[in-house]
PDB file of N, CA and C in Angstrom:
ATOM      1  N   MET A   1      30.715  -8.012  -8.804  1.00  0.00           N
ATOM      2  CA  MET A   1      29.339  -8.393  -8.652  1.00  0.00           C
ATOM      3  C   MET A   1      29.237  -9.895  -8.852  1.00  0.00           C
ATOM      4  N   ASP A   2      28.524 -10.575  -7.974  1.00  0.00           N
ATOM      5  CA  ASP A   2      28.273 -12.005  -8.127  1.00  0.00           C
ATOM      6  C   ASP A   2      26.975 -12.194  -8.898  1.00  0.00           C
ATOM      7  N   VAL A   3      27.051 -12.959  -9.979  1.00  0.00           N
ATOM      8  CA  VAL A   3      25.849 -13.266 -10.760  1.00  0.00           C
ATOM      9  C   VAL A   3      25.762 -14.762 -10.964  1.00  0.00           C
ATOM     10  N   LEU A   4      24.545 -15.250 -11.112  1.00  0.00           N
ATOM     11  CA  LEU A   4      24.339 -16.651 -11.426  1.00  0.00           C
ATOM     12  C   LEU A   4      24.322 -16.785 -12.944  1.00  0.00           C
ATOM     13  N   PRO A   5      25.141 -17.657 -13.515  1.00  0.00           N
ATOM     14  CA  PRO A   5      25.328 -17.681 -14.960  1.00  0.00           C
ATOM     15  C   PRO A   5      24.091 -18.033 -15.771  1.00  0.00           C
ATOM     16  N   ARG A   6      23.112 -18.672 -15.191  1.00  0.00           N
ATOM     17  CA  ARG A   6      21.940 -19.071 -15.979  1.00  0.00           C
ATOM     18  C   ARG A   6      20.659 -18.364 -15.572  1.00  0.00           C
ATOM     19  N   VAL A   7      20.747 -17.317 -14.780  1.00  0.00           N
ATOM     20  CA  VAL A   7      19.537 -16.652 -14.321  1.00  0.00           C
ATOM     21  C   VAL A   7      19.371 -15.342 -15.076  1.00  0.00           C
ATOM     22  N   GLY A   8      18.583 -15.404 -16.138  1.00  0.00           N
ATOM     23  CA  GLY A   8      18.248 -14.201 -16.888  1.00  0.00           C
ATOM     24  C   GLY A   8      16.917 -13.663 -16.400  1.00  0.00           C
ATOM     25  N   HIS A   9      16.440 -12.630 -17.055  1.00  0.00           N
ATOM     26  CA  HIS A   9      15.193 -12.009 -16.663  1.00  0.00           C
ATOM     27  C   HIS A   9      14.704 -11.133 -17.804  1.00  0.00           C
ATOM     28  N   VAL A  10      13.548 -10.527 -17.616  1.00  0.00           N
ATOM     29  CA  VAL A  10      12.963  -9.655 -18.626  1.00  0.00           C
ATOM     30  C   VAL A  10      12.822  -8.250 -18.050  1.00  0.00           C
ATOM     31  N   HIS A  11      13.302  -7.264 -18.800  1.00  0.00           N
ATOM     32  CA  HIS A  11      13.034  -5.860 -18.473  1.00  0.00           C
ATOM     33  C   HIS A  11      11.761  -5.490 -19.224  1.00  0.00           C
ATOM     34  N   ILE A  12      10.821  -4.847 -18.557  1.00  0.00           N
ATOM     35  CA  ILE A  12       9.555  -4.475 -19.168  1.00  0.00           C
ATOM     36  C   ILE A  12       9.355  -2.978 -18.988  1.00  0.00           C
ATOM     37  N   THR A  13       9.213  -2.262 -20.108  1.00  0.00           N
ATOM     38  CA  THR A  13       9.029  -0.820 -20.088  1.00  0.00           C
ATOM     39  C   THR A  13       7.702  -0.493 -20.767  1.00  0.00           C
ATOM     40  N   VAL A  14       6.858   0.268 -20.101  1.00  0.00           N
ATOM     41  CA  VAL A  14       5.536   0.610 -20.615  1.00  0.00           C
ATOM     42  C   VAL A  14       5.522   2.061 -21.082  1.00  0.00           C
ATOM     43  N   ASP A  15       5.097   2.272 -22.337  1.00  0.00           N
ATOM     44  CA  ASP A  15       4.889   3.622 -22.886  1.00  0.00           C
ATOM     45  C   ASP A  15       6.088   4.547 -22.699  1.00  0.00           C
ATOM     46  N   ASP A  16       7.278   4.070 -22.945  1.00  0.00           N
ATOM     47  CA  ASP A  16       8.495   4.893 -22.857  1.00  0.00           C
ATOM     48  C   ASP A  16       8.706   5.519 -21.479  1.00  0.00           C
ATOM     49  N   ALA A  17       8.238   4.853 -20.437  1.00  0.00           N
ATOM     50  CA  ALA A  17       8.452   5.355 -19.079  1.00  0.00           C
ATOM     51  C   ALA A  17       9.953   5.461 -18.801  1.00  0.00           C
ATOM     52  N   THR A  18      10.324   6.315 -17.891  1.00  0.00           N
ATOM     53  CA  THR A  18      11.740   6.467 -17.536  1.00  0.00           C
ATOM     54  C   THR A  18      12.200   5.343 -16.626  1.00  0.00           C
ATOM     55  N   TRP A  19      11.290   4.473 -16.204  1.00  0.00           N
ATOM     56  CA  TRP A  19      11.599   3.339 -15.332  1.00  0.00           C
ATOM     57  C   TRP A  19      11.116   2.067 -16.015  1.00  0.00           C
ATOM     58  N   HIS A  20      11.613   0.947 -15.578  1.00  0.00           N
ATOM     59  CA  HIS A  20      11.100  -0.337 -16.057  1.00  0.00           C
ATOM     60  C   HIS A  20      11.046  -1.296 -14.876  1.00  0.00           C
ATOM     61  N   PHE A  21      10.314  -2.373 -15.056  1.00  0.00           N
ATOM     62  CA  PHE A  21      10.329  -3.368 -14.000  1.00  0.00           C
ATOM     63  C   PHE A  21      10.917  -4.652 -14.535  1.00  0.00           C
ATOM     64  N   ILE A  22      11.332  -5.500 -13.637  1.00  0.00           N
ATOM     65  CA  ILE A  22      12.076  -6.710 -13.968  1.00  0.00           C
ATOM     66  C   ILE A  22      11.291  -7.917 -13.490  1.00  0.00           C
ATOM     67  N   ASP A  23      11.216  -8.928 -14.360  1.00  0.00           N
ATOM     68  CA  ASP A  23      10.526 -10.160 -13.989  1.00  0.00           C
ATOM     69  C   ASP A  23      11.428 -11.345 -14.305  1.00  0.00           C
ATOM     70  N   ALA A  24      11.582 -12.230 -13.348  1.00  0.00           N
ATOM     71  CA  ALA A  24      12.368 -13.448 -13.546  1.00  0.00           C
ATOM     72  C   ALA A  24      11.575 -14.684 -13.155  1.00  0.00           C
ATOM     73  N   SER A  25      10.272 -14.514 -12.982  1.00  0.00           N
ATOM     74  CA  SER A  25       9.450 -15.612 -12.464  1.00  0.00           C
ATOM     75  C   SER A  25       9.105 -16.651 -13.520  1.00  0.00           C
ATOM     76  N   GLY A  26       9.082 -16.248 -14.786  1.00  0.00           N
ATOM     77  CA  GLY A  26       8.645 -17.158 -15.827  1.00  0.00           C
ATOM     78  C   GLY A  26       7.133 -17.234 -15.947  1.00  0.00           C
ATOM     79  N   GLU A  27       6.430 -16.461 -15.126  1.00  0.00           N
ATOM     80  CA  GLU A  27       4.968 -16.443 -15.153  1.00  0.00           C
ATOM     81  C   GLU A  27       4.460 -15.401 -16.153  1.00  0.00           C
ATOM     82  N   THR A  28       3.190 -15.470 -16.460  1.00  0.00           N
ATOM     83  CA  THR A  28       2.557 -14.502 -17.347  1.00  0.00           C
ATOM     84  C   THR A  28       2.624 -13.111 -16.726  1.00  0.00           C
ATOM     85  N   VAL A  29       2.933 -12.110 -17.533  1.00  0.00           N
ATOM     86  CA  VAL A  29       2.971 -10.721 -17.072  1.00  0.00           C
ATOM     87  C   VAL A  29       1.612 -10.093 -17.358  1.00  0.00           C
ATOM     88  N   VAL A  30       0.998  -9.505 -16.348  1.00  0.00           N
ATOM     89  CA  VAL A  30      -0.302  -8.861 -16.490  1.00  0.00           C
ATOM     90  C   VAL A  30      -0.137  -7.384 -16.140  1.00  0.00           C
ATOM     91  N   LEU A  31      -0.495  -6.520 -17.074  1.00  0.00           N
ATOM     92  CA  LEU A  31      -0.434  -5.073 -16.842  1.00  0.00           C
ATOM     93  C   LEU A  31      -1.820  -4.590 -16.447  1.00  0.00           C
ATOM     94  N   VAL A  32      -1.914  -3.864 -15.358  1.00  0.00           N
ATOM     95  CA  VAL A  32      -3.195  -3.340 -14.886  1.00  0.00           C
ATOM     96  C   VAL A  32      -3.102  -1.833 -14.721  1.00  0.00           C
ATOM     97  N   GLY A  33      -4.237  -1.171 -14.769  1.00  0.00           N
ATOM     98  CA  GLY A  33      -4.283   0.261 -14.513  1.00  0.00           C
ATOM     99  C   GLY A  33      -3.948   1.134 -15.698  1.00  0.00           C
ATOM    100  N   LEU A  34      -3.881   0.557 -16.893  1.00  0.00           N
ATOM    101  CA  LEU A  34      -3.595   1.373 -18.068  1.00  0.00           C
ATOM    102  C   LEU A  34      -4.861   2.091 -18.521  1.00  0.00           C
ATOM    103  N   ALA A  35      -4.721   3.343 -18.898  1.00  0.00           N
ATOM    104  CA  ALA A  35      -5.851   4.128 -19.384  1.00  0.00           C
ATOM    105  C   ALA A  35      -6.239   3.664 -20.791  1.00  0.00           C
ATOM    106  N   PRO A  36      -7.491   3.901 -21.186  1.00  0.00           N
ATOM    107  CA  PRO A  36      -7.869   3.601 -22.566  1.00  0.00           C
ATOM    108  C   PRO A  36      -6.988   4.378 -23.536  1.00  0.00           C
ATOM    109  N   GLY A  37      -6.721   3.787 -24.688  1.00  0.00           N
ATOM    110  CA  GLY A  37      -5.920   4.445 -25.712  1.00  0.00           C
ATOM    111  C   GLY A  37      -4.760   3.575 -26.137  1.00  0.00           C
ATOM    112  N   PRO A  38      -3.883   4.124 -26.967  1.00  0.00           N
ATOM    113  CA  PRO A  38      -2.746   3.353 -27.483  1.00  0.00           C
ATOM    114  C   PRO A  38      -1.645   3.189 -26.428  1.00  0.00           C
ATOM    115  N   HIS A  39      -1.004   2.036 -26.466  1.00  0.00           N
ATOM    116  CA  HIS A  39       0.087   1.744 -25.545  1.00  0.00           C
ATOM    117  C   HIS A  39       1.186   0.978 -26.279  1.00  0.00           C
ATOM    118  N   ARG A  40       2.382   1.050 -25.712  1.00  0.00           N
ATOM    119  CA  ARG A  40       3.539   0.328 -26.249  1.00  0.00           C
ATOM    120  C   ARG A  40       4.289  -0.282 -25.072  1.00  0.00           C
ATOM    121  N   VAL A  41       4.583  -1.578 -25.188  1.00  0.00           N
ATOM    122  CA  VAL A  41       5.324  -2.266 -24.126  1.00  0.00           C
ATOM    123  C   VAL A  41       6.575  -2.881 -24.753  1.00  0.00           C
ATOM    124  N   LEU A  42       7.725  -2.542 -24.183  1.00  0.00           N
ATOM    125  CA  LEU A  42       9.011  -3.073 -24.628  1.00  0.00           C
ATOM    126  C   LEU A  42       9.433  -4.185 -23.680  1.00  0.00           C
ATOM    127  N   PHE A  43       9.668  -5.370 -24.242  1.00  0.00           N
ATOM    128  CA  PHE A  43      10.176  -6.514 -23.483  1.00  0.00           C
ATOM    129  C   PHE A  43      11.621  -6.739 -23.911  1.00  0.00           C
ATOM    130  N   GLU A  44      12.543  -6.741 -22.959  1.00  0.00           N
ATOM    131  CA  GLU A  44      13.955  -7.001 -23.257  1.00  0.00           C
ATOM    132  C   GLU A  44      14.411  -8.221 -22.465  1.00  0.00           C
ATOM    133  N   LEU A  45      14.831  -9.245 -23.158  1.00  0.00           N
ATOM    134  CA  LEU A  45      15.428 -10.408 -22.520  1.00  0.00           C
ATOM    135  C   LEU A  45      16.844 -10.018 -22.116  1.00  0.00           C
ATOM    136  N   ALA A  46      17.171 -10.166 -20.833  1.00  0.00           N
ATOM    137  CA  ALA A  46      18.469  -9.697 -20.331  1.00  0.00           C
ATOM    138  C   ALA A  46      19.227 -10.826 -19.649  1.00  0.00           C
ATOM    139  N   ASP A  47      20.541 -10.719 -19.697  1.00  0.00           N
ATOM    140  CA  ASP A  47      21.377 -11.707 -19.008  1.00  0.00           C
ATOM    141  C   ASP A  47      21.511 -11.304 -17.534  1.00  0.00           C
ATOM    142  N   PRO A  48      22.210 -12.103 -16.739  1.00  0.00           N
ATOM    143  CA  PRO A  48      22.315 -11.793 -15.300  1.00  0.00           C
ATOM    144  C   PRO A  48      22.938 -10.441 -14.981  1.00  0.00           C
ATOM    145  N   THR A  49      23.689  -9.853 -15.926  1.00  0.00           N
ATOM    146  CA  THR A  49      24.294  -8.545 -15.676  1.00  0.00           C
ATOM    147  C   THR A  49      23.452  -7.402 -16.243  1.00  0.00           C
ATOM    148  N   HIS A  50      22.198  -7.695 -16.635  1.00  0.00           N
ATOM    149  CA  HIS A  50      21.238  -6.736 -17.176  1.00  0.00           C
ATOM    150  C   HIS A  50      21.544  -6.300 -18.604  1.00  0.00           C
ATOM    151  N   ARG A  51      22.413  -6.999 -19.290  1.00  0.00           N
ATOM    152  CA  ARG A  51      22.701  -6.693 -20.695  1.00  0.00           C
ATOM    153  C   ARG A  51      21.578  -7.271 -21.543  1.00  0.00           C
ATOM    154  N   ALA A  52      20.961  -6.432 -22.379  1.00  0.00           N
ATOM    155  CA  ALA A  52      19.871  -6.891 -23.243  1.00  0.00           C
ATOM    156  C   ALA A  52      20.404  -7.850 -24.301  1.00  0.00           C
ATOM    157  N   ILE A  53      19.744  -9.006 -24.415  1.00  0.00           N
ATOM    158  CA  ILE A  53      20.114 -10.014 -25.398  1.00  0.00           C
ATOM    159  C   ILE A  53      19.223  -9.900 -26.631  1.00  0.00           C
ATOM    160  N   ASP A  54      17.945  -9.649 -26.404  1.00  0.00           N
ATOM    161  CA  ASP A  54      16.967  -9.519 -27.487  1.00  0.00           C
ATOM    162  C   ASP A  54      15.820  -8.659 -26.974  1.00  0.00           C
ATOM    163  N   SER A  55      15.045  -8.104 -27.884  1.00  0.00           N
ATOM    164  CA  SER A  55      13.916  -7.281 -27.454  1.00  0.00           C
ATOM    165  C   SER A  55      12.780  -7.378 -28.463  1.00  0.00           C
ATOM    166  N   GLN A  56      11.598  -7.043 -27.986  1.00  0.00           N
ATOM    167  CA  GLN A  56      10.423  -6.969 -28.848  1.00  0.00           C
ATOM    168  C   GLN A  56       9.469  -5.947 -28.262  1.00  0.00           C
ATOM    169  N   THR A  57       8.858  -5.161 -29.140  1.00  0.00           N
ATOM    170  CA  THR A  57       7.868  -4.177 -28.733  1.00  0.00           C
ATOM    171  C   THR A  57       6.486  -4.653 -29.164  1.00  0.00           C
ATOM    172  N   VAL A  58       5.534  -4.524 -28.251  1.00  0.00           N
ATOM    173  CA  VAL A  58       4.141  -4.872 -28.527  1.00  0.00           C
ATOM    174  C   VAL A  58       3.320  -3.594 -28.433  1.00  0.00           C
ATOM    175  N   ARG A  59       2.546  -3.331 -29.468  1.00  0.00           N
ATOM    176  CA  ARG A  59       1.666  -2.152 -29.480  1.00  0.00           C
ATOM    177  C   ARG A  59       0.222  -2.633 -29.461  1.00  0.00           C
ATOM    178  N   PHE A  60      -0.617  -1.914 -28.716  1.00  0.00           N
ATOM    179  CA  PHE A  60      -2.030  -2.271 -28.649  1.00  0.00           C
ATOM    180  C   PHE A  60      -2.839  -1.049 -28.238  1.00  0.00           C
ATOM    181  N   ILE A  61      -4.144  -1.129 -28.456  1.00  0.00           N
ATOM    182  CA  ILE A  61      -5.062  -0.050 -28.080  1.00  0.00           C
ATOM    183  C   ILE A  61      -6.108  -0.629 -27.134  1.00  0.00           C
ATOM    184  N   LEU A  62      -6.257   0.010 -25.982  1.00  0.00           N
ATOM    185  CA  LEU A  62      -7.308  -0.379 -25.034  1.00  0.00           C
ATOM    186  C   LEU A  62      -8.554   0.461 -25.335  1.00  0.00           C
ATOM    187  N   PRO A  63      -9.685  -0.202 -25.563  1.00  0.00           N
ATOM    188  CA  PRO A  63     -10.903   0.563 -25.843  1.00  0.00           C
ATOM    189  C   PRO A  63     -11.429   1.256 -24.585  1.00  0.00           C
ATOM    190  N   GLU A  64     -12.241   2.254 -24.802  1.00  0.00           N
ATOM    191  CA  GLU A  64     -12.862   2.950 -23.660  1.00  0.00           C
ATOM    192  C   GLU A  64     -14.011   2.149 -23.106  1.00  0.00           C
TER     193      GLU A  64
END
């Protein structure tokens, strides 16, 4: 596999979904379409080979 040595990205997983999305833009991430209630978003900083370097979970509640 060819990888660029300095191009990392973020894996973003919402509410323990079985899928995640990847962002490498460096722009603000905006989540839309979430239902009211508690949510958890996992952000994983990953290297070019998708190996997680660091992670942080953010928990929040959307009001009705």
